[in-house]
């Protein structure tokens, strides 16, 4: 008999395209024995670990009823919950059987509210409303904890009418969390991408700062200020303020 253990990215209990196999996961197959009753002294157990692609197999074993289990003590990298951990099957004499793929999921969560941070203080104040319909992706750095390698996995969510979002049942580890800029309403800007870590069995609140407020530059007194904005030079003197929506560089002169 054989099967595959995968990282069940969409948490649906089966393997879908792009979901990677997981290596070194221990699998145990226990034959009920002559009495046909599990858990008695005549049971016979076989064990193996998955290959790098998540595959496992037992060859030249006896026909009969088996309990197939994933040993939870060998589940790594914050994947502490399984969408299938135990299955009972009957192996007929002289046959081969492929057990359905098993998926591992996590017990961690990323969540928060994306809101229009008018005063840019990083906290949602009374008149600051949530931003709906934003597409958010969370890219897990994978078991190797390295960004951009083959074991990375991507999760997604969309903010609700109040700007709230959440991604549940994900592995512990490091994530790059990003707002798809194409879904930002006109007039909103910011730095909608952060890197964060979440522990096993924990929830990490991820702040994704966006704001419709322009940057404010205030100055007083004598002298002059040279502002370069999108190729234009503005020469200002005296007291006053200028509101700038884009990026700028300032240099004191005079």
C-alpha atoms as a PDB file:
ATOM      1  CA  UNK A   1       0.000   0.000   0.000  1.00  0.00           C
ATOM      2  CA  UNK A   2       1.137   3.575  -0.588  1.00  0.00           C
ATOM      3  CA  UNK A   3       0.128   7.218  -0.307  1.00  0.00           C
ATOM      4  CA  UNK A   4       1.334  10.801  -0.105  1.00  0.00           C
ATOM      5  CA  UNK A   5       1.389  13.403   2.667  1.00  0.00           C
ATOM      6  CA  UNK A   6       1.133  17.010   1.537  1.00  0.00           C
ATOM      7  CA  UNK A   7       0.891  20.510   2.915  1.00  0.00           C
ATOM      8  CA  UNK A   8      -2.871  21.081   2.576  1.00  0.00           C
ATOM      9  CA  UNK A   9      -2.664  24.781   1.689  1.00  0.00           C
ATOM     10  CA  UNK A  10      -6.410  25.315   1.138  1.00  0.00           C
ATOM     11  CA  UNK A  11      -7.334  23.070   4.093  1.00  0.00           C
ATOM     12  CA  UNK A  12      -9.835  20.954   2.130  1.00  0.00           C
ATOM     13  CA  UNK A  13      -8.503  17.549   3.175  1.00  0.00           C
ATOM     14  CA  UNK A  14      -7.252  16.508  -0.266  1.00  0.00           C
ATOM     15  CA  UNK A  15      -4.337  17.268  -2.549  1.00  0.00           C
ATOM     16  CA  UNK A  16      -4.781  20.046  -5.093  1.00  0.00           C
ATOM     17  CA  UNK A  17      -2.436  21.383  -7.753  1.00  0.00           C
ATOM     18  CA  UNK A  18       0.619  23.119  -6.376  1.00  0.00           C
ATOM     19  CA  UNK A  19       0.361  21.688  -2.856  1.00  0.00           C
ATOM     20  CA  UNK A  20       3.848  20.357  -1.997  1.00  0.00           C
ATOM     21  CA  UNK A  21       4.610  16.963  -0.526  1.00  0.00           C
ATOM     22  CA  UNK A  22       6.185  16.802   2.924  1.00  0.00           C
ATOM     23  CA  UNK A  23       9.218  14.647   3.655  1.00  0.00           C
ATOM     24  CA  UNK A  24      10.316  12.808   6.820  1.00  0.00           C
ATOM     25  CA  UNK A  25       6.758  12.402   8.159  1.00  0.00           C
ATOM     26  CA  UNK A  26       6.421   9.081  10.054  1.00  0.00           C
ATOM     27  CA  UNK A  27       3.635   6.748   8.889  1.00  0.00           C
ATOM     28  CA  UNK A  28       2.520   3.640  10.809  1.00  0.00           C
ATOM     29  CA  UNK A  29       0.446   0.748   9.391  1.00  0.00           C
ATOM     30  CA  UNK A  30      -0.949  -1.649  12.023  1.00  0.00           C
ATOM     31  CA  UNK A  31      -2.411  -5.021  10.966  1.00  0.00           C
ATOM     32  CA  UNK A  32      -5.272  -6.192  13.204  1.00  0.00           C
ATOM     33  CA  UNK A  33      -3.803  -9.696  13.429  1.00  0.00           C
ATOM     34  CA  UNK A  34      -5.477 -13.127  13.375  1.00  0.00           C
ATOM     35  CA  UNK A  35      -8.214 -12.127  15.813  1.00  0.00           C
ATOM     36  CA  UNK A  36      -9.284  -9.239  13.533  1.00  0.00           C
ATOM     37  CA  UNK A  37      -9.522  -6.874  16.504  1.00  0.00           C
ATOM     38  CA  UNK A  38      -7.416  -3.696  16.683  1.00  0.00           C
ATOM     39  CA  UNK A  39      -5.393  -2.927  19.783  1.00  0.00           C
ATOM     40  CA  UNK A  40      -4.768  -6.496  20.900  1.00  0.00           C
ATOM     41  CA  UNK A  41      -1.479  -8.290  21.400  1.00  0.00           C
ATOM     42  CA  UNK A  42      -1.490 -10.048  18.010  1.00  0.00           C
ATOM     43  CA  UNK A  43      -1.391  -6.779  16.062  1.00  0.00           C
ATOM     44  CA  UNK A  44       1.594  -6.260  13.778  1.00  0.00           C
ATOM     45  CA  UNK A  45       2.915  -2.742  13.046  1.00  0.00           C
ATOM     46  CA  UNK A  46       4.992  -1.478  10.136  1.00  0.00           C
ATOM     47  CA  UNK A  47       6.566   1.973   9.996  1.00  0.00           C
ATOM     48  CA  UNK A  48       8.235   4.224   7.453  1.00  0.00           C
ATOM     49  CA  UNK A  49       8.850   7.914   6.746  1.00  0.00           C
ATOM     50  CA  UNK A  50       7.832   9.910   3.704  1.00  0.00           C
ATOM     51  CA  UNK A  51      10.296  10.701   0.919  1.00  0.00           C
ATOM     52  CA  UNK A  52      11.099  14.298  -0.037  1.00  0.00           C
ATOM     53  CA  UNK A  53       8.030  14.414  -2.313  1.00  0.00           C
ATOM     54  CA  UNK A  54       5.766  13.228   0.518  1.00  0.00           C
ATOM     55  CA  UNK A  55       5.316   9.689  -0.805  1.00  0.00           C
ATOM     56  CA  UNK A  56       5.343   6.580   1.389  1.00  0.00           C
ATOM     57  CA  UNK A  57       4.800   2.866   0.807  1.00  0.00           C
ATOM     58  CA  UNK A  58       4.792  -0.571   2.451  1.00  0.00           C
ATOM     59  CA  UNK A  59       5.760  -3.563   0.292  1.00  0.00           C
ATOM     60  CA  UNK A  60       5.335  -7.308   0.879  1.00  0.00           C
ATOM     61  CA  UNK A  61       2.923  -6.969   3.792  1.00  0.00           C
ATOM     62  CA  UNK A  62       0.129  -9.351   4.756  1.00  0.00           C
ATOM     63  CA  UNK A  63      -3.450  -8.965   3.613  1.00  0.00           C
ATOM     64  CA  UNK A  64      -6.004  -7.854   6.181  1.00  0.00           C
ATOM     65  CA  UNK A  65      -7.418  -4.876   8.013  1.00  0.00           C
ATOM     66  CA  UNK A  66      -5.022  -2.038   8.788  1.00  0.00           C
ATOM     67  CA  UNK A  67      -5.053   1.207  10.678  1.00  0.00           C
ATOM     68  CA  UNK A  68      -2.911   3.779   8.841  1.00  0.00           C
ATOM     69  CA  UNK A  69      -1.664   6.606  11.077  1.00  0.00           C
ATOM     70  CA  UNK A  70       0.516   9.691  10.915  1.00  0.00           C
ATOM     71  CA  UNK A  71       2.680   9.851  14.013  1.00  0.00           C
ATOM     72  CA  UNK A  72       2.005  13.381  15.387  1.00  0.00           C
ATOM     73  CA  UNK A  73       5.363  13.447  17.178  1.00  0.00           C
ATOM     74  CA  UNK A  74       7.058  13.606  13.773  1.00  0.00           C
ATOM     75  CA  UNK A  75       4.945  16.411  12.270  1.00  0.00           C
ATOM     76  CA  UNK A  76       7.360  19.366  11.807  1.00  0.00           C
ATOM     77  CA  UNK A  77       7.414  23.088  11.222  1.00  0.00           C
ATOM     78  CA  UNK A  78       4.239  24.171  13.030  1.00  0.00           C
ATOM     79  CA  UNK A  79       2.037  21.755  11.068  1.00  0.00           C
ATOM     80  CA  UNK A  80       0.533  20.482  14.288  1.00  0.00           C
ATOM     81  CA  UNK A  81      -2.923  19.513  13.070  1.00  0.00           C
ATOM     82  CA  UNK A  82      -3.836  17.025  10.365  1.00  0.00           C
ATOM     83  CA  UNK A  83      -6.861  16.887   8.073  1.00  0.00           C
ATOM     84  CA  UNK A  84      -6.391  13.099   8.064  1.00  0.00           C
ATOM     85  CA  UNK A  85      -4.407  11.362  10.774  1.00  0.00           C
ATOM     86  CA  UNK A  86      -5.952   7.882  11.054  1.00  0.00           C
ATOM     87  CA  UNK A  87      -7.654   5.670   8.486  1.00  0.00           C
ATOM     88  CA  UNK A  88      -8.847   2.055   8.553  1.00  0.00           C
ATOM     89  CA  UNK A  89      -8.487   0.088   5.308  1.00  0.00           C
ATOM     90  CA  UNK A  90      -8.762  -3.505   4.106  1.00  0.00           C
ATOM     91  CA  UNK A  91      -5.917  -4.825   1.947  1.00  0.00           C
ATOM     92  CA  UNK A  92      -7.084  -7.844  -0.104  1.00  0.00           C
ATOM     93  CA  UNK A  93      -4.671 -10.734  -0.732  1.00  0.00           C
ATOM     94  CA  UNK A  94      -2.265 -10.157  -3.629  1.00  0.00           C
ATOM     95  CA  UNK A  95      -3.412  -6.589  -4.231  1.00  0.00           C
ATOM     96  CA  UNK A  96      -1.933  -3.120  -4.253  1.00  0.00           C
ATOM     97  CA  UNK A  97      -3.744  -0.192  -2.670  1.00  0.00           C
ATOM     98  CA  UNK A  98      -3.135   3.519  -2.853  1.00  0.00           C
ATOM     99  CA  UNK A  99      -4.355   5.346   0.222  1.00  0.00           C
ATOM    100  CA  UNK A 100      -5.855   8.749  -0.480  1.00  0.00           C
ATOM    101  CA  UNK A 101      -3.471  11.658   0.015  1.00  0.00           C
ATOM    102  CA  UNK A 102      -3.281  13.032   3.545  1.00  0.00           C
ATOM    103  CA  UNK A 103      -2.996  16.745   4.232  1.00  0.00           C
ATOM    104  CA  UNK A 104      -1.276  18.553   7.078  1.00  0.00           C
ATOM    105  CA  UNK A 105      -2.461  21.986   8.171  1.00  0.00           C
ATOM    106  CA  UNK A 106      -1.498  24.428  10.902  1.00  0.00           C
ATOM    107  CA  UNK A 107      -3.125  25.925  14.002  1.00  0.00           C
ATOM    108  CA  UNK A 108      -1.943  29.517  13.631  1.00  0.00           C
ATOM    109  CA  UNK A 109      -3.776  32.574  12.281  1.00  0.00           C
ATOM    110  CA  UNK A 110      -3.064  35.973  10.738  1.00  0.00           C
ATOM    111  CA  UNK A 111      -5.717  38.690  10.968  1.00  0.00           C
ATOM    112  CA  UNK A 112      -6.534  42.360  11.514  1.00  0.00           C
ATOM    113  CA  UNK A 113      -8.475  45.285  10.028  1.00  0.00           C
ATOM    114  CA  UNK A 114      -7.254  47.448   7.130  1.00  0.00           C
ATOM    115  CA  UNK A 115      -8.468  51.005   7.673  1.00  0.00           C
ATOM    116  CA  UNK A 116      -7.893  54.511   6.354  1.00  0.00           C
ATOM    117  CA  UNK A 117      -5.321  55.752   8.866  1.00  0.00           C
ATOM    118  CA  UNK A 118      -6.087  59.461   8.523  1.00  0.00           C
ATOM    119  CA  UNK A 119      -3.727  60.612  11.279  1.00  0.00           C
ATOM    120  CA  UNK A 120      -1.122  57.961  10.394  1.00  0.00           C
ATOM    121  CA  UNK A 121      -0.636  56.784  13.968  1.00  0.00           C
ATOM    122  CA  UNK A 122      -1.008  53.070  13.216  1.00  0.00           C
ATOM    123  CA  UNK A 123      -4.180  52.684  15.297  1.00  0.00           C
ATOM    124  CA  UNK A 124      -7.821  52.788  14.194  1.00  0.00           C
ATOM    125  CA  UNK A 125      -9.424  55.866  15.736  1.00  0.00           C
ATOM    126  CA  UNK A 126     -13.099  56.817  15.897  1.00  0.00           C
ATOM    127  CA  UNK A 127     -13.622  58.264  12.412  1.00  0.00           C
ATOM    128  CA  UNK A 128     -11.218  55.974  10.554  1.00  0.00           C
ATOM    129  CA  UNK A 129     -13.218  53.484   8.494  1.00  0.00           C
ATOM    130  CA  UNK A 130     -12.239  50.025   7.318  1.00  0.00           C
ATOM    131  CA  UNK A 131     -11.417  49.428   3.660  1.00  0.00           C
ATOM    132  CA  UNK A 132     -13.446  46.607   2.051  1.00  0.00           C
ATOM    133  CA  UNK A 133     -12.679  44.307  -0.890  1.00  0.00           C
ATOM    134  CA  UNK A 134      -8.898  44.405  -0.625  1.00  0.00           C
ATOM    135  CA  UNK A 135      -7.071  41.287  -1.790  1.00  0.00           C
ATOM    136  CA  UNK A 136      -4.503  40.163   0.777  1.00  0.00           C
ATOM    137  CA  UNK A 137      -1.884  37.458   0.316  1.00  0.00           C
ATOM    138  CA  UNK A 138       0.274  35.860   2.984  1.00  0.00           C
ATOM    139  CA  UNK A 139       3.313  34.016   1.659  1.00  0.00           C
ATOM    140  CA  UNK A 140       4.734  31.490   4.110  1.00  0.00           C
ATOM    141  CA  UNK A 141       8.507  31.164   3.874  1.00  0.00           C
ATOM    142  CA  UNK A 142       8.095  27.403   4.241  1.00  0.00           C
ATOM    143  CA  UNK A 143       9.823  24.825   6.414  1.00  0.00           C
ATOM    144  CA  UNK A 144      13.256  26.188   5.432  1.00  0.00           C
ATOM    145  CA  UNK A 145      12.272  29.719   6.638  1.00  0.00           C
ATOM    146  CA  UNK A 146      13.788  31.207   3.466  1.00  0.00           C
ATOM    147  CA  UNK A 147      11.860  33.644   1.290  1.00  0.00           C
ATOM    148  CA  UNK A 148      11.435  32.714  -2.358  1.00  0.00           C
ATOM    149  CA  UNK A 149      12.366  29.020  -2.248  1.00  0.00           C
ATOM    150  CA  UNK A 150      10.386  26.077  -3.588  1.00  0.00           C
ATOM    151  CA  UNK A 151       8.694  25.195  -0.285  1.00  0.00           C
ATOM    152  CA  UNK A 152       6.930  28.574   0.052  1.00  0.00           C
ATOM    153  CA  UNK A 153       3.123  28.528   0.151  1.00  0.00           C
ATOM    154  CA  UNK A 154       0.654  31.347  -0.486  1.00  0.00           C
ATOM    155  CA  UNK A 155      -2.625  31.950   1.371  1.00  0.00           C
ATOM    156  CA  UNK A 156      -5.185  34.622   0.538  1.00  0.00           C
ATOM    157  CA  UNK A 157      -8.095  36.587   1.980  1.00  0.00           C
ATOM    158  CA  UNK A 158     -10.357  39.530   1.088  1.00  0.00           C
ATOM    159  CA  UNK A 159     -11.339  42.272   3.537  1.00  0.00           C
ATOM    160  CA  UNK A 160     -15.017  42.398   4.500  1.00  0.00           C
ATOM    161  CA  UNK A 161     -17.275  45.461   4.639  1.00  0.00           C
ATOM    162  CA  UNK A 162     -15.501  46.670   7.812  1.00  0.00           C
ATOM    163  CA  UNK A 163     -12.012  46.016   6.448  1.00  0.00           C
ATOM    164  CA  UNK A 164     -11.522  42.893   8.572  1.00  0.00           C
ATOM    165  CA  UNK A 165      -9.676  39.840   7.246  1.00  0.00           C
ATOM    166  CA  UNK A 166      -8.287  36.590   8.592  1.00  0.00           C
ATOM    167  CA  UNK A 167      -6.403  33.516   7.412  1.00  0.00           C
ATOM    168  CA  UNK A 168      -6.807  30.484   9.673  1.00  0.00           C
ATOM    169  CA  UNK A 169      -5.223  27.037   9.992  1.00  0.00           C
ATOM    170  CA  UNK A 170      -1.816  28.067   8.706  1.00  0.00           C
ATOM    171  CA  UNK A 171       1.608  26.853   9.853  1.00  0.00           C
ATOM    172  CA  UNK A 172       3.671  28.754  12.378  1.00  0.00           C
ATOM    173  CA  UNK A 173       6.580  30.652  10.870  1.00  0.00           C
ATOM    174  CA  UNK A 174       7.472  33.760   8.893  1.00  0.00           C
ATOM    175  CA  UNK A 175       5.126  35.398   6.390  1.00  0.00           C
ATOM    176  CA  UNK A 176       5.231  38.258   3.890  1.00  0.00           C
ATOM    177  CA  UNK A 177       1.764  39.823   4.024  1.00  0.00           C
ATOM    178  CA  UNK A 178       0.786  42.091   1.125  1.00  0.00           C
ATOM    179  CA  UNK A 179      -2.184  44.077  -0.104  1.00  0.00           C
ATOM    180  CA  UNK A 180      -2.683  43.803  -3.854  1.00  0.00           C
ATOM    181  CA  UNK A 181      -2.188  47.425  -4.936  1.00  0.00           C
ATOM    182  CA  UNK A 182      -4.616  46.901  -7.828  1.00  0.00           C
ATOM    183  CA  UNK A 183      -7.437  46.540  -5.280  1.00  0.00           C
ATOM    184  CA  UNK A 184      -6.609  49.758  -3.378  1.00  0.00           C
ATOM    185  CA  UNK A 185      -9.259  52.439  -4.008  1.00  0.00           C
ATOM    186  CA  UNK A 186      -8.156  55.633  -5.711  1.00  0.00           C
ATOM    187  CA  UNK A 187      -6.649  58.066  -3.215  1.00  0.00           C
ATOM    188  CA  UNK A 188      -5.313  55.459  -0.805  1.00  0.00           C
ATOM    189  CA  UNK A 189      -1.587  54.922  -0.514  1.00  0.00           C
ATOM    190  CA  UNK A 190       0.902  53.569   1.948  1.00  0.00           C
ATOM    191  CA  UNK A 191       3.242  50.647   2.516  1.00  0.00           C
ATOM    192  CA  UNK A 192       0.858  47.702   2.186  1.00  0.00           C
ATOM    193  CA  UNK A 193       3.400  44.911   2.706  1.00  0.00           C
ATOM    194  CA  UNK A 194       5.017  43.660   5.916  1.00  0.00           C
ATOM    195  CA  UNK A 195       6.971  40.640   7.126  1.00  0.00           C
ATOM    196  CA  UNK A 196       5.762  39.043  10.333  1.00  0.00           C
ATOM    197  CA  UNK A 197       6.086  35.848  12.357  1.00  0.00           C
ATOM    198  CA  UNK A 198       3.388  33.797  14.060  1.00  0.00           C
ATOM    199  CA  UNK A 199       3.874  31.153  16.741  1.00  0.00           C
ATOM    200  CA  UNK A 200       2.123  27.750  16.886  1.00  0.00           C
ATOM    201  CA  UNK A 201      -1.463  27.929  18.177  1.00  0.00           C
ATOM    202  CA  UNK A 202      -1.338  31.732  18.097  1.00  0.00           C
ATOM    203  CA  UNK A 203      -2.866  34.674  16.232  1.00  0.00           C
ATOM    204  CA  UNK A 204      -0.673  37.474  14.863  1.00  0.00           C
ATOM    205  CA  UNK A 205      -2.322  40.857  14.301  1.00  0.00           C
ATOM    206  CA  UNK A 206      -0.789  42.281  11.127  1.00  0.00           C
ATOM    207  CA  UNK A 207      -0.860  46.071  10.616  1.00  0.00           C
ATOM    208  CA  UNK A 208      -1.029  47.017   6.926  1.00  0.00           C
ATOM    209  CA  UNK A 209      -0.848  50.841   6.920  1.00  0.00           C
ATOM    210  CA  UNK A 210      -2.803  52.693   4.233  1.00  0.00           C
ATOM    211  CA  UNK A 211      -4.042  56.294   4.293  1.00  0.00           C
ATOM    212  CA  UNK A 212      -5.833  58.865   2.154  1.00  0.00           C
ATOM    213  CA  UNK A 213      -4.079  61.727   3.992  1.00  0.00           C
ATOM    214  CA  UNK A 214      -1.330  63.654   2.192  1.00  0.00           C
ATOM    215  CA  UNK A 215       2.071  63.961   3.814  1.00  0.00           C
ATOM    216  CA  UNK A 216       2.430  67.318   5.569  1.00  0.00           C
ATOM    217  CA  UNK A 217       5.583  69.429   5.630  1.00  0.00           C
ATOM    218  CA  UNK A 218       5.508  72.472   7.919  1.00  0.00           C
ATOM    219  CA  UNK A 219       8.249  75.031   8.447  1.00  0.00           C
ATOM    220  CA  UNK A 220       8.595  78.528   9.914  1.00  0.00           C
ATOM    221  CA  UNK A 221      11.084  81.331  10.095  1.00  0.00           C
ATOM    222  CA  UNK A 222      13.478  82.795   7.595  1.00  0.00           C
ATOM    223  CA  UNK A 223      15.501  81.070   4.952  1.00  0.00           C
ATOM    224  CA  UNK A 224      14.204  78.981   2.098  1.00  0.00           C
ATOM    225  CA  UNK A 225      13.402  75.385   1.328  1.00  0.00           C
ATOM    226  CA  UNK A 226      14.036  73.611  -1.948  1.00  0.00           C
ATOM    227  CA  UNK A 227      11.441  70.894  -2.711  1.00  0.00           C
ATOM    228  CA  UNK A 228      11.885  68.514  -5.631  1.00  0.00           C
ATOM    229  CA  UNK A 229       8.630  66.755  -6.577  1.00  0.00           C
ATOM    230  CA  UNK A 230       8.337  64.670  -9.748  1.00  0.00           C
ATOM    231  CA  UNK A 231      10.937  66.715 -11.536  1.00  0.00           C
ATOM    232  CA  UNK A 232       9.587  70.127 -10.459  1.00  0.00           C
ATOM    233  CA  UNK A 233      11.451  72.578  -8.217  1.00  0.00           C
ATOM    234  CA  UNK A 234       9.420  74.694  -5.792  1.00  0.00           C
ATOM    235  CA  UNK A 235      11.195  77.532  -3.990  1.00  0.00           C
ATOM    236  CA  UNK A 236       9.376  78.581  -0.819  1.00  0.00           C
ATOM    237  CA  UNK A 237      10.295  81.257   1.720  1.00  0.00           C
ATOM    238  CA  UNK A 238       8.786  82.493   4.944  1.00  0.00           C
ATOM    239  CA  UNK A 239       6.256  80.598   7.021  1.00  0.00           C
ATOM    240  CA  UNK A 240       3.711  78.162   5.722  1.00  0.00           C
ATOM    241  CA  UNK A 241       3.032  74.542   4.864  1.00  0.00           C
ATOM    242  CA  UNK A 242       2.738  72.433   1.763  1.00  0.00           C
ATOM    243  CA  UNK A 243       0.729  69.206   1.415  1.00  0.00           C
ATOM    244  CA  UNK A 244       2.424  66.642  -0.775  1.00  0.00           C
ATOM    245  CA  UNK A 245       0.680  63.457  -1.906  1.00  0.00           C
ATOM    246  CA  UNK A 246       3.741  61.849  -3.468  1.00  0.00           C
ATOM    247  CA  UNK A 247       7.329  61.395  -2.403  1.00  0.00           C
ATOM    248  CA  UNK A 248       9.609  64.382  -1.938  1.00  0.00           C
ATOM    249  CA  UNK A 249      13.145  65.407  -0.998  1.00  0.00           C
ATOM    250  CA  UNK A 250      13.943  68.597   0.890  1.00  0.00           C
ATOM    251  CA  UNK A 251      17.156  70.587   1.117  1.00  0.00           C
ATOM    252  CA  UNK A 252      17.679  73.728   3.211  1.00  0.00           C
ATOM    253  CA  UNK A 253      19.197  76.615   1.244  1.00  0.00           C
ATOM    254  CA  UNK A 254      20.118  80.201   1.969  1.00  0.00           C
END
